[in-house]
C-alpha atoms as a PDB file:
ATOM      1  CA  MET A   1     -79.724  63.425  14.848  1.00  0.00           C
ATOM      2  CA  SER A   2     -76.733  65.387  16.110  1.00  0.00           C
ATOM      3  CA  GLU A   3     -74.411  67.637  14.195  1.00  0.00           C
ATOM      4  CA  LEU A   4     -70.871  68.872  14.715  1.00  0.00           C
ATOM      5  CA  LYS A   5     -70.019  72.504  15.164  1.00  0.00           C
ATOM      6  CA  PHE A   6     -66.930  74.466  16.049  1.00  0.00           C
ATOM      7  CA  THR A   7     -67.119  77.102  18.752  1.00  0.00           C
ATOM      8  CA  GLU A   8     -66.209  80.716  17.982  1.00  0.00           C
ATOM      9  CA  ASP A   9     -62.570  80.235  18.943  1.00  0.00           C
ATOM     10  CA  LYS A  10     -62.315  77.090  16.754  1.00  0.00           C
ATOM     11  CA  HIS A  11     -60.517  75.275  19.592  1.00  0.00           C
ATOM     12  CA  VAL A  12     -63.322  72.962  20.635  1.00  0.00           C
ATOM     13  CA  VAL A  13     -65.233  70.418  18.606  1.00  0.00           C
ATOM     14  CA  GLN A  14     -68.715  70.147  20.010  1.00  0.00           C
ATOM     15  CA  GLN A  15     -71.503  67.739  19.294  1.00  0.00           C
ATOM     16  CA  THR A  16     -74.860  69.443  19.420  1.00  0.00           C
ATOM     17  CA  GLN A  17     -77.649  67.279  20.696  1.00  0.00           C
ATOM     18  CA  LYS A  18     -79.859  67.372  23.753  1.00  0.00           C
ATOM     19  CA  SER A  19     -78.200  64.811  25.998  1.00  0.00           C
ATOM     20  CA  PRO A  20     -75.453  63.709  26.523  1.00  0.00           C
ATOM     21  CA  ARG A  21     -73.000  65.992  24.727  1.00  0.00           C
ATOM     22  CA  VAL A  22     -69.286  65.443  24.067  1.00  0.00           C
ATOM     23  CA  GLU A  23     -66.829  68.322  23.739  1.00  0.00           C
ATOM     24  CA  ILE A  24     -63.263  67.757  22.605  1.00  0.00           C
ATOM     25  CA  LYS A  25     -60.509  70.367  22.853  1.00  0.00           C
ATOM     26  CA  LYS A  26     -59.041  69.782  19.425  1.00  0.00           C
ATOM     27  CA  ASP A  27     -55.825  71.754  19.880  1.00  0.00           C
ATOM     28  CA  LYS A  28     -55.010  69.852  23.063  1.00  0.00           C
ATOM     29  CA  CYS A  29     -55.766  66.431  21.530  1.00  0.00           C
ATOM     30  CA  LYS A  30     -52.726  64.456  20.370  1.00  0.00           C
ATOM     31  CA  GLY A  31     -54.766  61.805  18.554  1.00  0.00           C
ATOM     32  CA  CYS A  32     -53.690  58.876  20.722  1.00  0.00           C
ATOM     33  CA  ARG A  33     -57.033  57.151  19.933  1.00  0.00           C
ATOM     34  CA  LEU A  34     -57.552  55.737  23.444  1.00  0.00           C
ATOM     35  CA  CYS A  35     -60.994  57.344  23.615  1.00  0.00           C
ATOM     36  CA  ILE A  36     -61.915  55.827  20.245  1.00  0.00           C
ATOM     37  CA  LEU A  37     -60.744  52.397  21.344  1.00  0.00           C
ATOM     38  CA  TYR A  38     -62.767  52.394  24.573  1.00  0.00           C
ATOM     39  CA  CYS A  39     -66.004  54.025  23.343  1.00  0.00           C
ATOM     40  CA  PRO A  40     -68.678  51.299  23.504  1.00  0.00           C
ATOM     41  CA  THR A  41     -70.897  52.992  20.900  1.00  0.00           C
ATOM     42  CA  LYS A  42     -68.065  53.892  18.504  1.00  0.00           C
ATOM     43  CA  HIS A  43     -69.213  57.516  18.768  1.00  0.00           C
ATOM     44  CA  LEU A  44     -65.746  59.009  18.298  1.00  0.00           C
ATOM     45  CA  LYS A  45     -63.532  59.069  15.229  1.00  0.00           C
ATOM     46  CA  LEU A  46     -60.237  60.523  14.085  1.00  0.00           C
ATOM     47  CA  SER A  47     -60.770  63.738  12.160  1.00  0.00           C
ATOM     48  CA  PRO A  48     -59.310  64.105   8.669  1.00  0.00           C
ATOM     49  CA  GLN A  49     -58.201  67.606   9.767  1.00  0.00           C
ATOM     50  CA  PHE A  50     -55.140  68.577  11.800  1.00  0.00           C
ATOM     51  CA  ASN A  51     -54.823  70.794  14.866  1.00  0.00           C
ATOM     52  CA  LYS A  52     -52.252  73.553  15.475  1.00  0.00           C
ATOM     53  CA  LYS A  53     -49.681  70.972  16.561  1.00  0.00           C
ATOM     54  CA  GLY A  54     -50.073  69.104  13.266  1.00  0.00           C
ATOM     55  CA  ARG A  55     -51.876  66.140  14.791  1.00  0.00           C
ATOM     56  CA  GLN A  56     -55.164  64.603  13.813  1.00  0.00           C
ATOM     57  CA  PHE A  57     -57.669  65.166  16.578  1.00  0.00           C
ATOM     58  CA  VAL A  58     -60.693  63.168  17.680  1.00  0.00           C
ATOM     59  CA  GLU A  59     -64.248  64.277  16.953  1.00  0.00           C
ATOM     60  CA  PRO A  60     -67.746  62.868  17.539  1.00  0.00           C
ATOM     61  CA  ARG A  61     -69.480  61.016  14.719  1.00  0.00           C
ATOM     62  CA  GLU A  62     -72.703  62.474  13.390  1.00  0.00           C
ATOM     63  CA  THR A  63     -74.417  59.116  12.944  1.00  0.00           C
ATOM     64  CA  THR A  64     -74.022  57.603  16.404  1.00  0.00           C
ATOM     65  CA  GLY A  65     -75.093  58.658  19.840  1.00  0.00           C
ATOM     66  CA  CYS A  66     -73.169  59.141  23.041  1.00  0.00           C
ATOM     67  CA  VAL A  67     -74.560  57.266  26.040  1.00  0.00           C
ATOM     68  CA  GLY A  68     -72.586  59.315  28.563  1.00  0.00           C
ATOM     69  CA  CYS A  69     -70.620  56.368  29.990  1.00  0.00           C
ATOM     70  CA  GLY A  70     -67.468  58.468  30.515  1.00  0.00           C
ATOM     71  CA  PHE A  71     -64.982  55.914  29.182  1.00  0.00           C
ATOM     72  CA  CYS A  72     -63.542  58.453  26.710  1.00  0.00           C
ATOM     73  CA  PHE A  73     -63.184  61.060  29.452  1.00  0.00           C
ATOM     74  CA  SER A  74     -61.484  58.558  31.760  1.00  0.00           C
ATOM     75  CA  MET A  75     -59.079  57.257  29.115  1.00  0.00           C
ATOM     76  CA  CYS A  76     -57.899  60.630  27.764  1.00  0.00           C
ATOM     77  CA  PRO A  77     -54.378  61.212  29.135  1.00  0.00           C
ATOM     78  CA  ASP A  78     -54.502  64.931  28.291  1.00  0.00           C
ATOM     79  CA  ALA A  79     -57.979  65.775  29.648  1.00  0.00           C
ATOM     80  CA  CYS A  80     -59.260  66.892  26.247  1.00  0.00           C
ATOM     81  CA  ILE A  81     -62.774  65.523  26.630  1.00  0.00           C
ATOM     82  CA  GLU A  82     -65.750  66.818  28.557  1.00  0.00           C
ATOM     83  CA  ILE A  83     -69.151  65.138  28.714  1.00  0.00           C
ATOM     84  CA  TYR A  84     -72.340  66.996  29.544  1.00  0.00           C
ATOM     85  CA  THR A  85     -75.322  64.839  30.411  1.00  0.00           C
ATOM     86  CA  LYS A  86     -78.048  67.417  29.966  1.00  0.00           C
ATOM     87  CA  ASP A  87     -78.665  70.310  27.634  1.00  0.00           C
ATOM     88  CA  GLU A  88     -77.146  73.403  29.172  1.00  0.00           C
ATOM     89  CA  GLY A  89     -78.505  75.863  26.597  1.00  0.00           C
END
């Protein structure tokens, strides 16, 4: 099972699991929900928290797995999402 963690700078929400891994730049995210809408596994959700701009940001769910399809990455108009397909330490 994966878990969510915030990086030291608290600007990136990161899902920790072996492969694939989704990272979302929370302070850049405007919460448009396009990534949520197009995720085939419903792996992303709107956070109950707010970023520095006062907007709810998107974060990975703990109970579902990313398949690495890239739909979220492709749909994000602000390039807030990065997908890593193998564990990079």
